[in-house]
Structures are given as structure tokens and as C-alpha cells.
Amino acid sequence: MPSIACYRTSDWNMIGFNGHQPEVADLYTSTGSLYMATLGFLTLGLPADNKFWTDAPAPWTSLKAWSGETIKKDYKVEY
């Protein structure tokens, strides 16, 4: 099957796996959701000597929660 472009001429992603397929989206999905889903890959652009890679691992929220610790909501990080 030939691949269909997933970008509009304005360079925005389209909702769908292979071209414009809005029927596969949930009602709350928007074009911005597609970009938010890629944020997990953002750290891959950090240099190897960044503290994200070099600091000792720290417990993350879900690890704390499943270990029975009291946790606070996660919020955005401001640098």
C-alpha cells in the first residue's frame, strides 16, 4: 500500500495513521495532541553531558505511587 502524506501544505500533522483519517481520533484529539505525543522524545536531543543523562536516577511519580508513597501532582518544570 502506498504511503500517504500525513502533513498538510501548512506543515501541520493530520489526524490519522496514514493521511487524513479523523474517524480514528477521539473527540478531544486535536492537531496539537499529535505534537504533545512526541514530547517524550524531546530529551533525545540533549547532549550526552547534560545532567538529564549524567545525574543519578531519581524515583519518578508512578514508581513512588506504586510503592505506596504519598505523592503530589506533577506540574510543568520551569527552568
N, C-alpha and C. Protein backbone atom coordinates (compact mmCIF):
# COMPACT_ATOMS: atom_id res chain seq x y z
N MET A 1 0.85 -1.16 0.00
CA MET A 1 0.00 0.00 0.00
C MET A 1 0.90 1.24 0.00
N PRO A 2 0.66 2.19 -0.87
CA PRO A 2 1.49 3.40 -0.89
C PRO A 2 1.24 4.27 0.33
N SER A 3 2.28 4.91 0.80
CA SER A 3 2.17 5.81 1.95
C SER A 3 1.54 7.12 1.52
N ILE A 4 0.68 7.64 2.36
CA ILE A 4 0.02 8.91 2.11
C ILE A 4 0.64 9.95 3.02
N ALA A 5 0.84 11.14 2.54
CA ALA A 5 1.43 12.21 3.35
C ALA A 5 0.56 12.48 4.58
N CYS A 6 1.21 12.69 5.73
CA CYS A 6 0.49 12.98 6.97
C CYS A 6 0.59 14.44 7.35
N TYR A 7 1.07 15.27 6.44
CA TYR A 7 1.19 16.70 6.69
C TYR A 7 0.34 17.45 5.69
N ARG A 8 -0.25 18.55 6.14
CA ARG A 8 -0.95 19.44 5.23
C ARG A 8 0.07 20.34 4.56
N THR A 9 -0.35 21.10 3.61
CA THR A 9 0.58 22.01 2.95
C THR A 9 1.10 23.06 3.91
N SER A 10 0.42 23.29 5.03
CA SER A 10 0.87 24.25 6.03
C SER A 10 1.86 23.63 7.02
N ASP A 11 2.26 22.37 6.78
CA ASP A 11 3.21 21.63 7.62
C ASP A 11 2.64 21.18 8.97
N TRP A 12 1.34 21.21 9.15
CA TRP A 12 0.72 20.67 10.36
C TRP A 12 0.42 19.20 10.15
N ASN A 13 0.63 18.39 11.18
CA ASN A 13 0.24 16.99 11.10
C ASN A 13 -1.26 16.86 10.91
N MET A 14 -1.67 15.80 10.24
CA MET A 14 -3.08 15.49 10.12
C MET A 14 -3.41 14.35 11.07
N ILE A 15 -4.61 14.29 11.53
CA ILE A 15 -5.04 13.21 12.42
C ILE A 15 -5.28 11.97 11.58
N GLY A 16 -4.54 10.91 11.90
CA GLY A 16 -4.66 9.66 11.17
C GLY A 16 -3.35 8.92 11.15
N PHE A 17 -3.40 7.64 10.83
CA PHE A 17 -2.19 6.82 10.75
C PHE A 17 -1.52 6.97 9.39
N ASN A 18 -2.33 7.15 8.36
CA ASN A 18 -1.81 7.22 7.00
C ASN A 18 -2.66 8.22 6.22
N GLY A 19 -2.33 9.48 6.40
CA GLY A 19 -3.13 10.53 5.76
C GLY A 19 -4.22 11.03 6.70
N HIS A 20 -5.19 11.73 6.15
CA HIS A 20 -6.28 12.32 6.94
C HIS A 20 -7.32 11.25 7.27
N GLN A 21 -7.37 10.82 8.54
CA GLN A 21 -8.31 9.79 8.99
C GLN A 21 -8.94 10.22 10.32
N PRO A 22 -9.76 11.27 10.32
CA PRO A 22 -10.31 11.78 11.58
C PRO A 22 -11.21 10.78 12.31
N GLU A 23 -11.69 9.77 11.60
CA GLU A 23 -12.58 8.78 12.24
C GLU A 23 -11.85 7.93 13.27
N VAL A 24 -10.52 7.90 13.27
CA VAL A 24 -9.78 7.11 14.26
C VAL A 24 -9.48 7.91 15.53
N ALA A 25 -9.82 9.19 15.54
CA ALA A 25 -9.49 10.06 16.67
C ALA A 25 -10.61 10.09 17.70
N ASP A 26 -10.23 10.34 18.94
CA ASP A 26 -11.22 10.61 19.98
C ASP A 26 -11.69 12.05 19.83
N LEU A 27 -12.83 12.37 20.43
CA LEU A 27 -13.40 13.71 20.29
C LEU A 27 -12.46 14.80 20.80
N TYR A 28 -11.65 14.50 21.80
CA TYR A 28 -10.77 15.51 22.38
C TYR A 28 -9.45 15.66 21.64
N THR A 29 -9.20 14.85 20.62
CA THR A 29 -7.95 14.92 19.88
C THR A 29 -7.95 16.13 18.95
N SER A 30 -6.86 16.85 18.97
CA SER A 30 -6.71 17.99 18.05
C SER A 30 -5.33 17.89 17.41
N THR A 31 -5.06 18.75 16.48
CA THR A 31 -3.75 18.76 15.83
C THR A 31 -2.64 18.92 16.87
N GLY A 32 -2.86 19.72 17.89
CA GLY A 32 -1.86 19.90 18.94
C GLY A 32 -1.56 18.63 19.70
N SER A 33 -2.55 17.74 19.83
CA SER A 33 -2.34 16.48 20.54
C SER A 33 -1.27 15.64 19.87
N LEU A 34 -1.19 15.73 18.56
CA LEU A 34 -0.20 14.95 17.82
C LEU A 34 1.21 15.38 18.19
N TYR A 35 1.39 16.67 18.41
CA TYR A 35 2.71 17.17 18.79
C TYR A 35 3.00 16.89 20.26
N MET A 36 1.99 16.96 21.12
CA MET A 36 2.19 16.66 22.53
C MET A 36 2.63 15.22 22.72
N ALA A 37 2.16 14.32 21.87
CA ALA A 37 2.52 12.91 21.97
C ALA A 37 4.01 12.67 21.70
N THR A 38 4.67 13.59 21.05
CA THR A 38 6.09 13.42 20.73
C THR A 38 7.01 14.00 21.80
N LEU A 39 6.46 14.66 22.82
CA LEU A 39 7.30 15.30 23.84
C LEU A 39 8.19 14.31 24.59
N GLY A 40 7.80 13.06 24.65
CA GLY A 40 8.63 12.06 25.30
C GLY A 40 9.97 11.86 24.62
N PHE A 41 10.05 12.25 23.36
CA PHE A 41 11.30 12.11 22.60
C PHE A 41 12.19 13.35 22.69
N LEU A 42 11.70 14.40 23.32
CA LEU A 42 12.43 15.67 23.38
C LEU A 42 13.81 15.52 24.01
N THR A 43 13.91 14.73 25.04
CA THR A 43 15.20 14.58 25.74
C THR A 43 16.26 13.92 24.86
N LEU A 44 15.86 13.23 23.82
CA LEU A 44 16.85 12.59 22.95
C LEU A 44 17.72 13.62 22.24
N GLY A 45 17.28 14.86 22.21
CA GLY A 45 18.07 15.92 21.60
C GLY A 45 19.08 16.56 22.54
N LEU A 46 19.07 16.17 23.80
CA LEU A 46 20.01 16.74 24.77
C LEU A 46 21.40 16.15 24.55
N PRO A 47 22.45 16.95 24.77
CA PRO A 47 23.81 16.43 24.63
C PRO A 47 24.10 15.36 25.68
N ALA A 48 25.06 14.52 25.39
CA ALA A 48 25.40 13.39 26.28
C ALA A 48 25.87 13.84 27.66
N ASP A 49 26.39 15.06 27.79
CA ASP A 49 26.88 15.53 29.08
C ASP A 49 25.83 16.31 29.87
N ASN A 50 24.60 16.36 29.40
CA ASN A 50 23.52 17.05 30.12
C ASN A 50 23.19 16.28 31.40
N LYS A 51 22.81 17.01 32.45
CA LYS A 51 22.54 16.35 33.73
C LYS A 51 21.36 15.38 33.65
N PHE A 52 20.50 15.54 32.65
CA PHE A 52 19.41 14.56 32.46
C PHE A 52 20.00 13.16 32.29
N TRP A 53 21.12 13.06 31.58
CA TRP A 53 21.75 11.77 31.33
C TRP A 53 22.79 11.42 32.40
N THR A 54 23.44 12.40 32.99
CA THR A 54 24.58 12.11 33.87
C THR A 54 24.22 12.02 35.35
N ASP A 55 23.14 12.66 35.80
CA ASP A 55 22.75 12.57 37.21
C ASP A 55 22.28 11.16 37.54
N ALA A 56 22.34 10.84 38.81
CA ALA A 56 21.83 9.54 39.27
C ALA A 56 20.32 9.47 39.04
N PRO A 57 19.80 8.29 38.74
CA PRO A 57 18.35 8.16 38.55
C PRO A 57 17.60 8.58 39.82
N ALA A 58 16.47 9.24 39.63
CA ALA A 58 15.62 9.65 40.74
C ALA A 58 14.27 8.95 40.61
N PRO A 59 13.64 8.63 41.73
CA PRO A 59 12.32 8.00 41.67
C PRO A 59 11.32 8.91 40.97
N TRP A 60 10.52 8.35 40.08
CA TRP A 60 9.53 9.14 39.35
C TRP A 60 8.17 8.91 39.97
N THR A 61 7.21 9.71 39.59
CA THR A 61 5.90 9.74 40.24
C THR A 61 5.23 8.37 40.28
N SER A 62 5.15 7.67 39.16
CA SER A 62 4.44 6.39 39.17
C SER A 62 5.16 5.35 40.03
N LEU A 63 6.48 5.41 40.07
CA LEU A 63 7.24 4.50 40.93
C LEU A 63 6.91 4.77 42.39
N LYS A 64 6.88 6.05 42.76
CA LYS A 64 6.53 6.41 44.13
C LYS A 64 5.11 5.97 44.47
N ALA A 65 4.18 6.22 43.55
CA ALA A 65 2.77 5.88 43.81
C ALA A 65 2.59 4.38 44.00
N TRP A 66 3.19 3.57 43.14
CA TRP A 66 3.05 2.12 43.23
C TRP A 66 3.83 1.54 44.40
N SER A 67 4.73 2.33 44.98
CA SER A 67 5.47 1.89 46.16
C SER A 67 4.75 2.29 47.44
N GLY A 68 3.62 2.97 47.30
CA GLY A 68 2.84 3.35 48.47
C GLY A 68 3.19 4.70 49.07
N GLU A 69 4.09 5.44 48.42
CA GLU A 69 4.46 6.76 48.93
C GLU A 69 3.34 7.77 48.67
N THR A 70 3.27 8.78 49.51
CA THR A 70 2.36 9.89 49.27
C THR A 70 2.99 10.77 48.20
N ILE A 71 2.22 11.12 47.20
CA ILE A 71 2.77 11.90 46.09
C ILE A 71 1.97 13.18 45.88
N LYS A 72 2.61 14.12 45.25
CA LYS A 72 1.94 15.35 44.82
C LYS A 72 1.71 15.26 43.32
N LYS A 73 0.81 16.06 42.81
CA LYS A 73 0.59 16.11 41.36
C LYS A 73 1.86 16.60 40.68
N ASP A 74 2.13 16.07 39.50
CA ASP A 74 3.24 16.57 38.69
C ASP A 74 2.81 17.86 38.01
N TYR A 75 3.70 18.78 37.92
CA TYR A 75 3.45 20.04 37.22
C TYR A 75 4.58 20.30 36.25
N LYS A 76 4.38 21.25 35.41
CA LYS A 76 5.42 21.61 34.45
C LYS A 76 6.67 22.05 35.19
N VAL A 77 7.79 21.90 34.54
CA VAL A 77 9.07 22.30 35.11
C VAL A 77 9.44 23.67 34.56
N GLU A 78 9.84 24.56 35.43
CA GLU A 78 10.28 25.89 34.98
C GLU A 78 11.76 26.00 35.29
N TYR A 79 12.54 26.33 34.30
CA TYR A 79 13.99 26.44 34.48
C TYR A 79 14.40 27.90 34.53
